[in-house]
PDB file of all heavy atoms in Angstrom:
ATOM      1  N   ASN A   1     144.437  85.656 108.485  1.00  0.00           N
ATOM      2  CA  ASN A   1     143.136  85.034 108.654  1.00  0.00           C
ATOM      3  C   ASN A   1     143.275  83.516 108.674  1.00  0.00           C
ATOM      4  O   ASN A   1     144.283  82.966 108.237  1.00  0.00           O
ATOM      5  CB  ASN A   1     142.189  85.452 107.529  1.00  0.00           C
ATOM      6  CG  ASN A   1     141.924  86.935 107.486  1.00  0.00           C
ATOM      7  OD1 ASN A   1     141.859  87.601 108.524  1.00  0.00           O
ATOM      8  ND2 ASN A   1     141.752  87.474 106.280  1.00  0.00           N
ATOM      9  N   SER A   2     142.242  82.850 109.166  1.00  0.00           N
ATOM     10  CA  SER A   2     142.210  81.386 109.222  1.00  0.00           C
ATOM     11  C   SER A   2     143.478  80.825 109.853  1.00  0.00           C
ATOM     12  O   SER A   2     144.103  79.895 109.329  1.00  0.00           O
ATOM     13  CB  SER A   2     142.006  80.808 107.816  1.00  0.00           C
ATOM     14  OG  SER A   2     140.801  81.279 107.243  1.00  0.00           O
ATOM     15  N   LEU A   3     143.850  81.387 110.979  1.00  0.00           N
ATOM     16  CA  LEU A   3     145.097  81.005 111.632  1.00  0.00           C
ATOM     17  C   LEU A   3     145.059  79.556 112.112  1.00  0.00           C
ATOM     18  O   LEU A   3     144.014  79.055 112.526  1.00  0.00           O
ATOM     19  CB  LEU A   3     145.396  81.940 112.790  1.00  0.00           C
ATOM     20  CG  LEU A   3     145.938  83.308 112.370  1.00  0.00           C
ATOM     21  CD1 LEU A   3     145.814  84.317 113.497  1.00  0.00           C
ATOM     22  CD2 LEU A   3     147.395  83.187 111.932  1.00  0.00           C
ATOM     23  N   ARG A   4     146.219  78.925 112.052  1.00  0.00           N
ATOM     24  CA  ARG A   4     146.398  77.540 112.449  1.00  0.00           C
ATOM     25  C   ARG A   4     147.463  77.446 113.528  1.00  0.00           C
ATOM     26  O   ARG A   4     148.325  78.315 113.622  1.00  0.00           O
ATOM     27  CB  ARG A   4     146.822  76.699 111.237  1.00  0.00           C
ATOM     28  CG  ARG A   4     145.888  76.793 110.047  1.00  0.00           C
ATOM     29  CD  ARG A   4     146.552  76.268 108.789  1.00  0.00           C
ATOM     30  NE  ARG A   4     145.675  76.361 107.626  1.00  0.00           N
ATOM     31  CZ  ARG A   4     146.065  76.156 106.371  1.00  0.00           C
ATOM     32  NH1 ARG A   4     147.323  75.835 106.114  1.00  0.00           N
ATOM     33  NH2 ARG A   4     145.190  76.264 105.382  1.00  0.00           N
ATOM     34  N   PRO A   5     147.442  76.399 114.356  1.00  0.00           N
ATOM     35  CA  PRO A   5     148.480  76.250 115.380  1.00  0.00           C
ATOM     36  C   PRO A   5     149.895  76.277 114.808  1.00  0.00           C
ATOM     37  O   PRO A   5     150.807  76.778 115.474  1.00  0.00           O
ATOM     38  CB  PRO A   5     148.162  74.886 116.004  1.00  0.00           C
ATOM     39  CG  PRO A   5     146.682  74.756 115.836  1.00  0.00           C
ATOM     40  CD  PRO A   5     146.382  75.379 114.495  1.00  0.00           C
ATOM     41  N   GLU A   6     150.094  75.778 113.605  1.00  0.00           N
ATOM     42  CA  GLU A   6     151.421  75.787 113.004  1.00  0.00           C
ATOM     43  C   GLU A   6     151.893  77.185 112.607  1.00  0.00           C
ATOM     44  O   GLU A   6     153.054  77.358 112.225  1.00  0.00           O
ATOM     45  CB  GLU A   6     151.486  74.853 111.785  1.00  0.00           C
ATOM     46  CG  GLU A   6     150.398  75.100 110.756  1.00  0.00           C
ATOM     47  CD  GLU A   6     149.210  74.164 110.917  1.00  0.00           C
ATOM     48  OE1 GLU A   6     148.802  73.906 112.065  1.00  0.00           O
ATOM     49  OE2 GLU A   6     148.690  73.677 109.887  1.00  0.00           O
ATOM     50  N   ASP A   7     151.007  78.190 112.691  1.00  0.00           N
ATOM     51  CA  ASP A   7     151.410  79.571 112.470  1.00  0.00           C
ATOM     52  C   ASP A   7     152.063  80.187 113.707  1.00  0.00           C
ATOM     53  O   ASP A   7     152.574  81.310 113.638  1.00  0.00           O
ATOM     54  CB  ASP A   7     150.210  80.433 112.061  1.00  0.00           C
ATOM     55  CG  ASP A   7     149.636  80.030 110.719  1.00  0.00           C
ATOM     56  OD1 ASP A   7     150.417  79.739 109.794  1.00  0.00           O
ATOM     57  OD2 ASP A   7     148.389  80.019 110.587  1.00  0.00           O
ATOM     58  N   THR A   8     152.030  79.487 114.828  1.00  0.00           N
ATOM     59  CA  THR A   8     152.620  79.990 116.061  1.00  0.00           C
ATOM     60  C   THR A   8     154.116  80.227 115.881  1.00  0.00           C
ATOM     61  O   THR A   8     154.859  79.320 115.500  1.00  0.00           O
ATOM     62  CB  THR A   8     152.376  79.014 117.217  1.00  0.00           C
ATOM     63  OG1 THR A   8     150.970  78.923 117.472  1.00  0.00           O
ATOM     64  CG2 THR A   8     153.078  79.471 118.478  1.00  0.00           C
ATOM     65  N   ALA A   9     154.558  81.446 116.162  1.00  0.00           N
ATOM     66  CA  ALA A   9     155.954  81.819 115.980  1.00  0.00           C
ATOM     67  C   ALA A   9     156.148  83.255 116.444  1.00  0.00           C
ATOM     68  O   ALA A   9     155.184  83.967 116.726  1.00  0.00           O
ATOM     69  CB  ALA A   9     156.369  81.695 114.513  1.00  0.00           C
ATOM     70  N   VAL A  10     157.411  83.672 116.515  1.00  0.00           N
ATOM     71  CA  VAL A  10     157.734  85.082 116.653  1.00  0.00           C
ATOM     72  C   VAL A  10     157.826  85.661 115.249  1.00  0.00           C
ATOM     73  O   VAL A  10     158.554  85.137 114.401  1.00  0.00           O
ATOM     74  CB  VAL A  10     159.044  85.306 117.418  1.00  0.00           C
ATOM     75  CG1 VAL A  10     159.386  86.795 117.478  1.00  0.00           C
ATOM     76  CG2 VAL A  10     158.940  84.738 118.826  1.00  0.00           C
ATOM     77  N   TYR A  11     157.087  86.726 115.006  1.00  0.00           N
ATOM     78  CA  TYR A  11     157.051  87.360 113.693  1.00  0.00           C
ATOM     79  C   TYR A  11     157.915  88.612 113.706  1.00  0.00           C
ATOM     80  O   TYR A  11     157.799  89.457 114.598  1.00  0.00           O
ATOM     81  CB  TYR A  11     155.617  87.707 113.305  1.00  0.00           C
ATOM     82  CG  TYR A  11     154.815  86.506 112.869  1.00  0.00           C
ATOM     83  CD1 TYR A  11     154.450  85.528 113.790  1.00  0.00           C
ATOM     84  CD2 TYR A  11     154.434  86.337 111.541  1.00  0.00           C
ATOM     85  CE1 TYR A  11     153.734  84.411 113.397  1.00  0.00           C
ATOM     86  CE2 TYR A  11     153.712  85.227 111.139  1.00  0.00           C
ATOM     87  CZ  TYR A  11     153.363  84.265 112.072  1.00  0.00           C
ATOM     88  OH  TYR A  11     152.647  83.164 111.669  1.00  0.00           O
ATOM     89  N   TYR A  12     158.786  88.740 112.696  1.00  0.00           N
ATOM     90  CA  TYR A  12     159.735  89.838 112.603  1.00  0.00           C
ATOM     91  C   TYR A  12     159.486  90.673 111.356  1.00  0.00           C
ATOM     92  O   TYR A  12     159.318  90.126 110.266  1.00  0.00           O
ATOM     93  CB  TYR A  12     161.173  89.320 112.554  1.00  0.00           C
ATOM     94  CG  TYR A  12     161.626  88.581 113.788  1.00  0.00           C
ATOM     95  CD1 TYR A  12     161.454  87.203 113.892  1.00  0.00           C
ATOM     96  CD2 TYR A  12     162.223  89.260 114.836  1.00  0.00           C
ATOM     97  CE1 TYR A  12     161.873  86.516 115.020  1.00  0.00           C
ATOM     98  CE2 TYR A  12     162.643  88.578 115.966  1.00  0.00           C
ATOM     99  CZ  TYR A  12     162.468  87.213 116.047  1.00  0.00           C
ATOM    100  OH  TYR A  12     162.895  86.538 117.174  1.00  0.00           O
ATOM    101  N   CYS A  13     159.499  91.974 111.528  1.00  0.00           N
ATOM    102  CA  CYS A  13     159.431  92.899 110.408  1.00  0.00           C
ATOM    103  C   CYS A  13     160.837  93.140 109.867  1.00  0.00           C
ATOM    104  O   CYS A  13     161.800  93.217 110.632  1.00  0.00           O
ATOM    105  CB  CYS A  13     158.799  94.215 110.867  1.00  0.00           C
ATOM    106  SG  CYS A  13     158.621  95.463 109.575  1.00  0.00           S
ATOM    107  N   ASN A  14     160.951  93.263 108.550  1.00  0.00           N
ATOM    108  CA  ASN A  14     162.243  93.465 107.902  1.00  0.00           C
ATOM    109  C   ASN A  14     162.145  94.583 106.867  1.00  0.00           C
ATOM    110  O   ASN A  14     161.123  94.727 106.197  1.00  0.00           O
ATOM    111  CB  ASN A  14     162.704  92.178 107.219  1.00  0.00           C
ATOM    112  CG  ASN A  14     163.918  92.392 106.334  1.00  0.00           C
ATOM    113  OD1 ASN A  14     163.795  92.548 105.118  1.00  0.00           O
ATOM    114  ND2 ASN A  14     165.096  92.399 106.939  1.00  0.00           N
ATOM    115  N   ALA A  15     163.208  95.364 106.751  1.00  0.00           N
ATOM    116  CA  ALA A  15     163.298  96.383 105.713  1.00  0.00           C
ATOM    117  C   ALA A  15     164.673  96.345 105.071  1.00  0.00           C
ATOM    118  O   ALA A  15     165.694  96.260 105.764  1.00  0.00           O
ATOM    119  CB  ALA A  15     163.030  97.772 106.280  1.00  0.00           C
ATOM    120  N   LEU A  16     164.687  96.388 103.749  1.00  0.00           N
ATOM    121  CA  LEU A  16     165.912  96.530 102.981  1.00  0.00           C
ATOM    122  C   LEU A  16     165.915  97.949 102.421  1.00  0.00           C
ATOM    123  O   LEU A  16     164.950  98.355 101.774  1.00  0.00           O
ATOM    124  CB  LEU A  16     165.971  95.502 101.858  1.00  0.00           C
ATOM    125  CG  LEU A  16     167.210  95.511 100.968  1.00  0.00           C
ATOM    126  CD1 LEU A  16     168.430  95.046 101.754  1.00  0.00           C
ATOM    127  CD2 LEU A  16     166.999  94.613  99.753  1.00  0.00           C
ATOM    128  N   TYR A  17     166.983  98.693 102.654  1.00  0.00           N
ATOM    129  CA  TYR A  17     166.990 100.088 102.244  1.00  0.00           C
ATOM    130  C   TYR A  17     168.377 100.524 101.816  1.00  0.00           C
ATOM    131  O   TYR A  17     169.378  99.880 102.129  1.00  0.00           O
ATOM    132  CB  TYR A  17     166.466 100.992 103.369  1.00  0.00           C
ATOM    133  CG  TYR A  17     167.311 101.008 104.620  1.00  0.00           C
ATOM    134  CD1 TYR A  17     168.245 102.016 104.837  1.00  0.00           C
ATOM    135  CD2 TYR A  17     167.166 100.029 105.596  1.00  0.00           C
ATOM    136  CE1 TYR A  17     169.015 102.044 105.988  1.00  0.00           C
ATOM    137  CE2 TYR A  17     167.935 100.048 106.747  1.00  0.00           C
ATOM    138  CZ  TYR A  17     168.861 101.058 106.938  1.00  0.00           C
ATOM    139  OH  TYR A  17     169.621 101.079 108.081  1.00  0.00           O
ATOM    140  N   THR A  18     168.422 101.644 101.090  1.00  0.00           N
ATOM    141  CA  THR A  18     169.677 102.245 100.659  1.00  0.00           C
ATOM    142  C   THR A  18     169.831 103.613 101.304  1.00  0.00           C
ATOM    143  O   THR A  18     168.857 104.319 101.551  1.00  0.00           O
ATOM    144  CB  THR A  18     169.755 102.383  99.132  1.00  0.00           C
ATOM    145  OG1 THR A  18     168.674 103.196  98.664  1.00  0.00           O
ATOM    146  CG2 THR A  18     169.682 101.015  98.468  1.00  0.00           C
ATOM    147  N   ASP A  19     171.078 103.982 101.571  1.00  0.00           N
ATOM    148  CA  ASP A  19     171.405 105.263 102.178  1.00  0.00           C
ATOM    149  C   ASP A  19     172.778 105.679 101.664  1.00  0.00           C
ATOM    150  O   ASP A  19     173.770 104.994 101.920  1.00  0.00           O
ATOM    151  CB  ASP A  19     171.391 105.164 103.691  1.00  0.00           C
ATOM    152  CG  ASP A  19     171.577 106.505 104.377  1.00  0.00           C
ATOM    153  OD1 ASP A  19     171.520 107.548 103.693  1.00  0.00           O
ATOM    154  OD2 ASP A  19     171.766 106.522 105.608  1.00  0.00           O
ATOM    155  N   GLU A  20     172.820 106.780 100.909  1.00  0.00           N
ATOM    156  CA  GLU A  20     174.064 107.315 100.352  1.00  0.00           C
ATOM    157  C   GLU A  20     174.831 106.252  99.562  1.00  0.00           C
ATOM    158  O   GLU A  20     176.050 106.117  99.685  1.00  0.00           O
ATOM    159  CB  GLU A  20     174.937 107.911 101.457  1.00  0.00           C
ATOM    160  CG  GLU A  20     174.295 109.093 102.155  1.00  0.00           C
ATOM    161  CD  GLU A  20     175.208 109.719 103.192  1.00  0.00           C
ATOM    162  OE1 GLU A  20     176.232 109.109 103.549  1.00  0.00           O
ATOM    163  OE2 GLU A  20     174.896 110.835 103.642  1.00  0.00           O
ATOM    164  N   GLY A  21     174.103 105.483  98.764  1.00  0.00           N
ATOM    165  CA  GLY A  21     174.709 104.502  97.884  1.00  0.00           C
ATOM    166  C   GLY A  21     174.979 103.150  98.503  1.00  0.00           C
ATOM    167  O   GLY A  21     175.425 102.234  97.798  1.00  0.00           O
ATOM    168  N   ASN A  22     174.732 102.981  99.786  1.00  0.00           N
ATOM    169  CA  ASN A  22     174.952 101.717 100.472  1.00  0.00           C
ATOM    170  C   ASN A  22     173.630 101.029 100.788  1.00  0.00           C
ATOM    171  O   ASN A  22     172.608 101.691 100.973  1.00  0.00           O
ATOM    172  CB  ASN A  22     175.739 101.935 101.764  1.00  0.00           C
ATOM    173  CG  ASN A  22     177.122 102.500 101.505  1.00  0.00           C
ATOM    174  OD1 ASN A  22     177.836 102.036 100.622  1.00  0.00           O
ATOM    175  ND2 ASN A  22     177.507 103.512 102.272  1.00  0.00           N
ATOM    176  N   THR A  23     173.667  99.695 100.855  1.00  0.00           N
ATOM    177  CA  THR A  23     172.487  98.898 101.130  1.00  0.00           C
ATOM    178  C   THR A  23     172.549  98.349 102.549  1.00  0.00           C
ATOM    179  O   THR A  23     173.588  97.846 102.988  1.00  0.00           O
ATOM    180  CB  THR A  23     172.358  97.742 100.131  1.00  0.00           C
ATOM    181  OG1 THR A  23     172.308  98.274  98.800  1.00  0.00           O
ATOM    182  CG2 THR A  23     171.088  96.943 100.383  1.00  0.00           C
ATOM    183  N   TYR A  24     171.420  98.419 103.252  1.00  0.00           N
ATOM    184  CA  TYR A  24     171.344  97.977 104.634  1.00  0.00           C
ATOM    185  C   TYR A  24     170.121  97.095 104.837  1.00  0.00           C
ATOM    186  O   TYR A  24     169.150  97.155 104.082  1.00  0.00           O
ATOM    187  CB  TYR A  24     171.273  99.169 105.589  1.00  0.00           C
ATOM    188  CG  TYR A  24     172.440 100.114 105.478  1.00  0.00           C
ATOM    189  CD1 TYR A  24     172.405 101.183 104.588  1.00  0.00           C
ATOM    190  CD2 TYR A  24     173.581  99.943 106.254  1.00  0.00           C
ATOM    191  CE1 TYR A  24     173.466 102.056 104.470  1.00  0.00           C
ATOM    192  CE2 TYR A  24     174.652 100.810 106.147  1.00  0.00           C
ATOM    193  CZ  TYR A  24     174.589 101.864 105.254  1.00  0.00           C
ATOM    194  OH  TYR A  24     175.654 102.730 105.142  1.00  0.00           O
ATOM    195  N   ASP A  25     170.171  96.283 105.895  1.00  0.00           N
ATOM    196  CA  ASP A  25     169.098  95.373 106.257  1.00  0.00           C
ATOM    197  C   ASP A  25     168.746  95.618 107.724  1.00  0.00           C
ATOM    198  O   ASP A  25     169.626  95.551 108.588  1.00  0.00           O
ATOM    199  CB  ASP A  25     169.551  93.928 106.049  1.00  0.00           C
ATOM    200  CG  ASP A  25     168.408  92.948 105.941  1.00  0.00           C
ATOM    201  OD1 ASP A  25     167.312  93.343 105.504  1.00  0.00           O
ATOM    202  OD2 ASP A  25     168.615  91.765 106.282  1.00  0.00           O
ATOM    203  N   SER A  26     167.482  95.917 108.005  1.00  0.00           N
ATOM    204  CA  SER A  26     167.045  96.239 109.354  1.00  0.00           C
ATOM    205  C   SER A  26     165.951  95.273 109.808  1.00  0.00           C
ATOM    206  O   SER A  26     165.114  94.856 109.007  1.00  0.00           O
ATOM    207  CB  SER A  26     166.532  97.682 109.417  1.00  0.00           C
ATOM    208  OG  SER A  26     166.153  98.043 110.729  1.00  0.00           O
ATOM    209  N   TRP A  27     165.966  94.929 111.099  1.00  0.00           N
ATOM    210  CA  TRP A  27     164.991  94.008 111.691  1.00  0.00           C
ATOM    211  C   TRP A  27     164.333  94.618 112.918  1.00  0.00           C
ATOM    212  O   TRP A  27     164.974  95.332 113.696  1.00  0.00           O
ATOM    213  CB  TRP A  27     165.657  92.698 112.115  1.00  0.00           C
ATOM    214  CG  TRP A  27     166.192  91.883 110.982  1.00  0.00           C
ATOM    215  CD1 TRP A  27     167.432  91.934 110.437  1.00  0.00           C
ATOM    216  CD2 TRP A  27     165.482  90.873 110.263  1.00  0.00           C
ATOM    217  NE1 TRP A  27     167.546  91.029 109.418  1.00  0.00           N
ATOM    218  CE2 TRP A  27     166.375  90.357 109.286  1.00  0.00           C
ATOM    219  CE3 TRP A  27     164.193  90.351 110.349  1.00  0.00           C
ATOM    220  CZ2 TRP A  27     165.995  89.344 108.396  1.00  0.00           C
ATOM    221  CZ3 TRP A  27     163.820  89.349 109.466  1.00  0.00           C
ATOM    222  CH2 TRP A  27     164.721  88.851 108.506  1.00  0.00           C
ATOM    223  N   GLY A  28     163.044  94.323 113.090  1.00  0.00           N
ATOM    224  CA  GLY A  28     162.367  94.671 114.322  1.00  0.00           C
ATOM    225  C   GLY A  28     162.698  93.677 115.419  1.00  0.00           C
ATOM    226  O   GLY A  28     163.404  92.685 115.213  1.00  0.00           O
TER     227      GLY A  28
END
């Protein structure tokens, strides 16, 4: 809300997760 011109950017989703004891980082 109340967006400003300085908010202009590419927005990326991120997830940190574990799988079988290992940690991974995923990006959209």
